[in-house]
N, C-alpha and C. Protein backbone atom coordinates (compact mmCIF):
# COMPACT_ATOMS: atom_id res chain seq x y z
N MET A 1 -8.82 20.42 19.61
CA MET A 1 -8.58 19.66 18.39
C MET A 1 -9.69 19.98 17.39
N SER A 2 -9.32 20.25 16.17
CA SER A 2 -10.29 20.60 15.14
C SER A 2 -11.07 19.36 14.70
N ASN A 3 -12.20 19.59 14.04
CA ASN A 3 -12.99 18.48 13.51
C ASN A 3 -12.19 17.68 12.50
N LYS A 4 -11.39 18.37 11.68
CA LYS A 4 -10.57 17.69 10.68
C LYS A 4 -9.56 16.77 11.35
N SER A 5 -8.92 17.25 12.43
CA SER A 5 -7.94 16.42 13.15
C SER A 5 -8.61 15.22 13.79
N ARG A 6 -9.79 15.44 14.41
CA ARG A 6 -10.51 14.31 15.02
C ARG A 6 -10.87 13.28 13.97
N HIS A 7 -11.34 13.75 12.80
CA HIS A 7 -11.72 12.82 11.72
C HIS A 7 -10.51 12.04 11.24
N LYS A 8 -9.36 12.73 11.08
CA LYS A 8 -8.14 12.05 10.63
C LYS A 8 -7.71 11.01 11.65
N ASN A 9 -7.72 11.36 12.93
CA ASN A 9 -7.33 10.42 13.98
C ASN A 9 -8.29 9.23 14.03
N ARG A 10 -9.59 9.50 13.90
CA ARG A 10 -10.56 8.41 13.93
C ARG A 10 -10.34 7.47 12.76
N ASN A 11 -10.07 8.00 11.57
CA ASN A 11 -9.83 7.14 10.40
C ASN A 11 -8.57 6.31 10.58
N GLN A 12 -7.52 6.90 11.16
CA GLN A 12 -6.30 6.13 11.38
C GLN A 12 -6.55 5.02 12.38
N ASN A 13 -7.31 5.32 13.43
CA ASN A 13 -7.60 4.29 14.42
C ASN A 13 -8.49 3.21 13.84
N ASP A 14 -9.48 3.59 13.02
CA ASP A 14 -10.34 2.60 12.38
C ASP A 14 -9.53 1.67 11.50
N ALA A 15 -8.62 2.24 10.71
CA ALA A 15 -7.80 1.42 9.82
C ALA A 15 -6.93 0.48 10.63
N GLY A 16 -6.37 0.98 11.72
CA GLY A 16 -5.52 0.14 12.55
C GLY A 16 -6.28 -0.98 13.20
N SER A 17 -7.48 -0.69 13.71
CA SER A 17 -8.24 -1.74 14.38
C SER A 17 -8.73 -2.78 13.39
N GLN A 18 -9.05 -2.37 12.17
CA GLN A 18 -9.53 -3.31 11.18
C GLN A 18 -8.44 -4.28 10.75
N PHE A 19 -7.21 -3.81 10.72
CA PHE A 19 -6.12 -4.65 10.25
C PHE A 19 -5.18 -5.05 11.36
N GLY A 20 -5.58 -4.87 12.62
CA GLY A 20 -4.80 -5.35 13.75
C GLY A 20 -3.62 -4.49 14.12
N ASN A 21 -3.62 -3.21 13.77
CA ASN A 21 -2.49 -2.34 14.07
C ASN A 21 -2.91 -1.16 14.94
N GLY A 22 -3.90 -1.31 15.78
CA GLY A 22 -4.49 -0.20 16.51
C GLY A 22 -3.61 0.43 17.56
N SER A 23 -2.52 -0.21 17.99
CA SER A 23 -1.71 0.34 19.06
C SER A 23 -0.48 1.06 18.56
N GLU A 24 -0.49 1.52 17.33
CA GLU A 24 0.68 2.17 16.75
C GLU A 24 0.82 3.58 17.30
N ASP A 25 2.07 4.03 17.45
CA ASP A 25 2.32 5.41 17.82
C ASP A 25 2.57 6.22 16.56
N HIS A 26 2.78 7.53 16.71
CA HIS A 26 2.90 8.41 15.54
C HIS A 26 4.10 8.06 14.67
N ASP A 27 5.21 7.61 15.25
CA ASP A 27 6.39 7.27 14.45
C ASP A 27 6.13 6.08 13.54
N SER A 28 5.39 5.09 14.04
CA SER A 28 5.18 3.90 13.23
C SER A 28 4.06 4.08 12.21
N ILE A 29 3.22 5.11 12.37
CA ILE A 29 2.17 5.36 11.38
C ILE A 29 2.80 5.63 10.03
N ARG A 30 3.96 6.31 10.03
CA ARG A 30 4.65 6.60 8.79
C ARG A 30 5.02 5.31 8.06
N ASN A 31 5.23 4.22 8.79
CA ASN A 31 5.65 2.96 8.20
C ASN A 31 4.52 1.95 8.09
N LYS A 32 3.28 2.40 8.17
CA LYS A 32 2.16 1.49 8.03
C LYS A 32 2.20 0.83 6.66
N ARG A 33 1.74 -0.39 6.62
CA ARG A 33 1.69 -1.12 5.36
C ARG A 33 0.43 -0.74 4.60
N SER A 34 0.49 -0.79 3.30
CA SER A 34 -0.67 -0.51 2.45
C SER A 34 -1.47 -1.80 2.31
N LEU A 35 -2.49 -1.91 3.15
CA LEU A 35 -3.28 -3.13 3.25
C LEU A 35 -4.69 -2.92 2.75
N GLY A 36 -5.29 -3.98 2.27
CA GLY A 36 -6.68 -3.96 1.86
C GLY A 36 -7.28 -5.32 2.10
N GLU A 37 -8.51 -5.46 1.69
CA GLU A 37 -9.15 -6.77 1.81
C GLU A 37 -10.01 -7.03 0.59
N LEU A 38 -10.06 -8.30 0.21
CA LEU A 38 -10.88 -8.76 -0.89
C LEU A 38 -11.87 -9.77 -0.36
N ARG A 39 -13.13 -9.58 -0.71
CA ARG A 39 -14.19 -10.51 -0.32
C ARG A 39 -14.92 -11.00 -1.56
N LYS A 40 -15.54 -12.14 -1.42
CA LYS A 40 -16.29 -12.73 -2.53
C LYS A 40 -17.34 -11.74 -3.02
N ALA A 41 -17.38 -11.54 -4.32
CA ALA A 41 -18.31 -10.59 -4.92
C ALA A 41 -19.57 -11.30 -5.39
N ASN A 42 -20.64 -10.55 -5.45
CA ASN A 42 -21.90 -11.04 -5.99
C ASN A 42 -21.81 -10.87 -7.51
N LYS A 43 -21.56 -11.97 -8.20
CA LYS A 43 -21.39 -11.91 -9.65
C LYS A 43 -22.74 -11.69 -10.33
N THR A 44 -22.82 -10.60 -11.08
CA THR A 44 -24.05 -10.31 -11.82
C THR A 44 -23.92 -10.67 -13.30
N LYS A 45 -22.67 -10.82 -13.75
CA LYS A 45 -22.39 -11.19 -15.14
C LYS A 45 -21.23 -12.17 -15.14
N GLU A 46 -21.05 -12.89 -16.22
CA GLU A 46 -19.95 -13.85 -16.32
C GLU A 46 -18.60 -13.17 -16.14
N ARG A 47 -18.46 -11.95 -16.62
CA ARG A 47 -17.18 -11.24 -16.55
C ARG A 47 -17.01 -10.41 -15.28
N SER A 48 -17.98 -10.45 -14.37
CA SER A 48 -17.86 -9.73 -13.11
C SER A 48 -16.72 -10.31 -12.30
N PRO A 49 -16.05 -9.48 -11.48
CA PRO A 49 -14.94 -10.00 -10.68
C PRO A 49 -15.40 -11.02 -9.64
N ASP A 50 -14.53 -11.95 -9.32
CA ASP A 50 -14.84 -12.95 -8.30
C ASP A 50 -14.74 -12.36 -6.90
N VAL A 51 -13.82 -11.42 -6.72
CA VAL A 51 -13.65 -10.77 -5.42
C VAL A 51 -13.49 -9.27 -5.65
N THR A 52 -13.94 -8.48 -4.69
CA THR A 52 -13.77 -7.04 -4.74
C THR A 52 -13.39 -6.56 -3.34
N GLY A 53 -12.88 -5.35 -3.26
CA GLY A 53 -12.51 -4.81 -1.97
C GLY A 53 -11.91 -3.43 -2.08
N LYS A 54 -11.29 -3.03 -0.99
CA LYS A 54 -10.67 -1.72 -0.90
C LYS A 54 -9.24 -1.86 -0.41
N LEU A 55 -8.41 -0.89 -0.77
CA LEU A 55 -7.01 -0.86 -0.36
C LEU A 55 -6.75 0.47 0.32
N ARG A 56 -6.11 0.43 1.47
CA ARG A 56 -5.68 1.65 2.15
C ARG A 56 -4.24 1.91 1.75
N LEU A 57 -4.07 2.70 0.70
CA LEU A 57 -2.76 2.99 0.14
C LEU A 57 -2.10 4.09 0.97
N GLN A 58 -0.97 3.79 1.56
CA GLN A 58 -0.25 4.74 2.39
C GLN A 58 0.57 5.68 1.51
N ARG A 59 0.72 6.89 1.98
CA ARG A 59 1.44 7.92 1.22
C ARG A 59 2.86 7.47 0.86
N HIS A 60 3.58 6.86 1.82
CA HIS A 60 4.97 6.47 1.55
C HIS A 60 5.03 5.38 0.47
N THR A 61 4.02 4.52 0.41
CA THR A 61 3.98 3.49 -0.64
C THR A 61 3.78 4.15 -2.00
N LEU A 62 2.82 5.06 -2.06
CA LEU A 62 2.55 5.76 -3.32
C LEU A 62 3.77 6.56 -3.77
N GLN A 63 4.43 7.24 -2.83
CA GLN A 63 5.61 8.03 -3.19
C GLN A 63 6.72 7.13 -3.75
N ALA A 64 6.89 5.95 -3.17
CA ALA A 64 7.91 5.02 -3.67
C ALA A 64 7.54 4.52 -5.07
N ILE A 65 6.28 4.26 -5.30
CA ILE A 65 5.84 3.80 -6.62
C ILE A 65 6.01 4.92 -7.66
N ILE A 66 5.68 6.15 -7.27
CA ILE A 66 5.88 7.29 -8.17
C ILE A 66 7.37 7.45 -8.49
N ARG A 67 8.22 7.30 -7.49
CA ARG A 67 9.67 7.37 -7.72
C ARG A 67 10.10 6.29 -8.72
N ASP A 68 9.55 5.08 -8.56
CA ASP A 68 9.86 4.00 -9.49
C ASP A 68 9.43 4.36 -10.92
N PHE A 69 8.26 5.00 -11.06
CA PHE A 69 7.81 5.43 -12.39
C PHE A 69 8.79 6.42 -13.00
N LYS A 70 9.24 7.36 -12.19
CA LYS A 70 10.18 8.37 -12.70
C LYS A 70 11.50 7.73 -13.10
N GLU A 71 11.99 6.80 -12.31
CA GLU A 71 13.26 6.14 -12.61
C GLU A 71 13.15 5.25 -13.83
N ALA A 72 12.00 4.59 -14.00
CA ALA A 72 11.80 3.68 -15.12
C ALA A 72 11.50 4.43 -16.41
N ASP A 73 10.92 5.62 -16.29
CA ASP A 73 10.57 6.43 -17.45
C ASP A 73 9.76 5.62 -18.45
N GLY A 74 8.78 4.88 -17.94
CA GLY A 74 7.95 4.06 -18.81
C GLY A 74 6.49 4.20 -18.45
N GLU A 75 5.70 3.32 -19.00
CA GLU A 75 4.26 3.35 -18.79
C GLU A 75 3.79 2.43 -17.67
N GLU A 76 4.69 1.60 -17.13
CA GLU A 76 4.28 0.72 -16.04
C GLU A 76 5.48 0.40 -15.17
N VAL A 77 5.19 0.07 -13.91
CA VAL A 77 6.20 -0.45 -13.00
C VAL A 77 5.62 -1.71 -12.37
N ILE A 78 6.49 -2.55 -11.90
CA ILE A 78 6.04 -3.77 -11.24
C ILE A 78 6.06 -3.53 -9.74
N CYS A 79 4.95 -3.84 -9.09
CA CYS A 79 4.83 -3.73 -7.64
C CYS A 79 4.67 -5.13 -7.07
N ASN A 80 4.95 -5.26 -5.79
CA ASN A 80 4.69 -6.52 -5.11
C ASN A 80 3.27 -6.53 -4.59
N ILE A 81 2.65 -7.69 -4.60
CA ILE A 81 1.35 -7.87 -3.97
C ILE A 81 1.40 -9.20 -3.23
N ALA A 82 0.85 -9.19 -2.03
CA ALA A 82 0.83 -10.40 -1.21
C ALA A 82 -0.57 -10.55 -0.63
N GLY A 83 -0.93 -11.76 -0.29
CA GLY A 83 -2.26 -12.00 0.27
C GLY A 83 -2.25 -13.07 1.35
N TRP A 84 -3.15 -12.91 2.31
CA TRP A 84 -3.30 -13.85 3.42
C TRP A 84 -4.77 -14.17 3.59
N LYS A 85 -5.08 -15.45 3.74
CA LYS A 85 -6.46 -15.87 3.99
C LYS A 85 -6.84 -15.55 5.42
N ASN A 86 -8.04 -15.00 5.61
CA ASN A 86 -8.55 -14.65 6.94
C ASN A 86 -10.03 -14.98 7.03
N GLN A 87 -10.54 -14.88 8.24
CA GLN A 87 -11.96 -15.12 8.50
C GLN A 87 -12.39 -14.19 9.62
N ASP A 88 -13.57 -13.59 9.48
CA ASP A 88 -14.15 -12.80 10.56
C ASP A 88 -15.65 -13.06 10.61
N HIS A 89 -16.36 -12.23 11.38
CA HIS A 89 -17.80 -12.43 11.53
C HIS A 89 -18.56 -12.32 10.21
N ALA A 90 -18.00 -11.63 9.22
CA ALA A 90 -18.65 -11.47 7.93
C ALA A 90 -18.28 -12.57 6.94
N GLY A 91 -17.37 -13.47 7.34
CA GLY A 91 -16.99 -14.58 6.48
C GLY A 91 -15.53 -14.53 6.07
N PRO A 92 -15.14 -15.40 5.14
CA PRO A 92 -13.74 -15.46 4.69
C PRO A 92 -13.40 -14.26 3.80
N TYR A 93 -12.14 -13.87 3.87
CA TYR A 93 -11.64 -12.80 3.02
C TYR A 93 -10.13 -12.91 2.90
N LEU A 94 -9.57 -12.21 1.94
CA LEU A 94 -8.12 -12.12 1.76
C LEU A 94 -7.65 -10.75 2.20
N THR A 95 -6.66 -10.69 3.04
CA THR A 95 -5.97 -9.44 3.32
C THR A 95 -4.88 -9.33 2.27
N VAL A 96 -4.80 -8.18 1.61
CA VAL A 96 -3.81 -7.99 0.57
C VAL A 96 -2.91 -6.81 0.92
N GLU A 97 -1.68 -6.88 0.46
CA GLU A 97 -0.73 -5.79 0.67
C GLU A 97 -0.08 -5.46 -0.65
N ILE A 98 0.03 -4.18 -0.94
CA ILE A 98 0.77 -3.73 -2.12
C ILE A 98 1.99 -2.98 -1.62
N SER A 99 3.10 -3.19 -2.29
CA SER A 99 4.33 -2.50 -1.92
C SER A 99 5.19 -2.31 -3.16
N PRO A 100 6.10 -1.32 -3.11
CA PRO A 100 6.99 -1.14 -4.25
C PRO A 100 7.83 -2.40 -4.44
N ARG A 101 8.24 -2.64 -5.66
CA ARG A 101 9.08 -3.80 -5.94
C ARG A 101 10.41 -3.63 -5.24
N TYR A 102 10.84 -4.66 -4.56
CA TYR A 102 12.12 -4.61 -3.85
C TYR A 102 13.25 -4.79 -4.84
N THR A 103 14.19 -3.88 -4.81
CA THR A 103 15.39 -3.97 -5.62
C THR A 103 16.57 -3.78 -4.69
N PRO A 104 17.47 -4.74 -4.62
CA PRO A 104 18.65 -4.54 -3.76
C PRO A 104 19.40 -3.27 -4.17
N HIS A 105 19.94 -2.57 -3.20
CA HIS A 105 20.60 -1.30 -3.46
C HIS A 105 21.74 -1.42 -4.47
N GLU A 106 22.43 -2.54 -4.49
CA GLU A 106 23.55 -2.70 -5.40
C GLU A 106 23.10 -2.67 -6.87
N GLN A 107 21.87 -3.09 -7.14
CA GLN A 107 21.41 -3.19 -8.52
C GLN A 107 20.76 -1.92 -9.03
N ARG A 108 20.46 -0.96 -8.14
CA ARG A 108 19.84 0.27 -8.59
C ARG A 108 20.83 1.10 -9.40
N THR A 109 20.33 1.77 -10.40
CA THR A 109 21.17 2.64 -11.22
C THR A 109 21.49 3.88 -10.41
N PRO A 110 22.78 4.20 -10.24
CA PRO A 110 23.13 5.39 -9.46
C PRO A 110 22.68 6.66 -10.18
N LYS A 111 22.26 7.63 -9.36
CA LYS A 111 21.84 8.91 -9.93
C LYS A 111 23.08 9.71 -10.32
N ALA A 112 22.93 10.54 -11.32
CA ALA A 112 24.03 11.39 -11.77
C ALA A 112 24.44 12.33 -10.66
N SER A 113 25.72 12.57 -10.55
CA SER A 113 26.27 13.46 -9.54
C SER A 113 26.96 14.62 -10.20
N VAL A 114 27.03 15.73 -9.49
CA VAL A 114 27.75 16.89 -10.03
C VAL A 114 29.23 16.57 -10.21
N PHE A 115 29.73 15.55 -9.51
CA PHE A 115 31.14 15.18 -9.59
C PHE A 115 31.45 14.23 -10.76
N ASP A 116 30.42 13.70 -11.42
CA ASP A 116 30.64 12.76 -12.52
C ASP A 116 31.48 13.37 -13.64
N ASP A 117 31.29 14.64 -13.93
CA ASP A 117 32.05 15.28 -15.00
C ASP A 117 33.50 15.55 -14.62
N MET A 118 33.78 15.59 -13.31
CA MET A 118 35.13 15.92 -12.85
C MET A 118 36.05 14.71 -12.84
N PHE A 119 35.51 13.53 -12.67
CA PHE A 119 36.37 12.36 -12.48
C PHE A 119 36.24 11.38 -13.63
């Protein structure tokens, strides 16, 4: 195994253990949620954020958001964000998840088909 592969595997395992998903197999890694955490920030100015953190954005989440941008043909898309209160040895924090906005399939605009001109 190359150093790059070991590093990639170690990072995946670290992410899983931090967010409670350490026993995932390769098939479910593709469906990992884009999770992050927010912790209380040390405010140095009045306008400093109250909480800061990091997000582990999964490729499939980003691809879905990019697809939404292309379909919307605009400057912004709406994504879902959710949060859960947690506590660990370092103190309280919020686990956050970002995901593409859910749109029921019936409401999506159908893509043009080569058959549209025929019928």
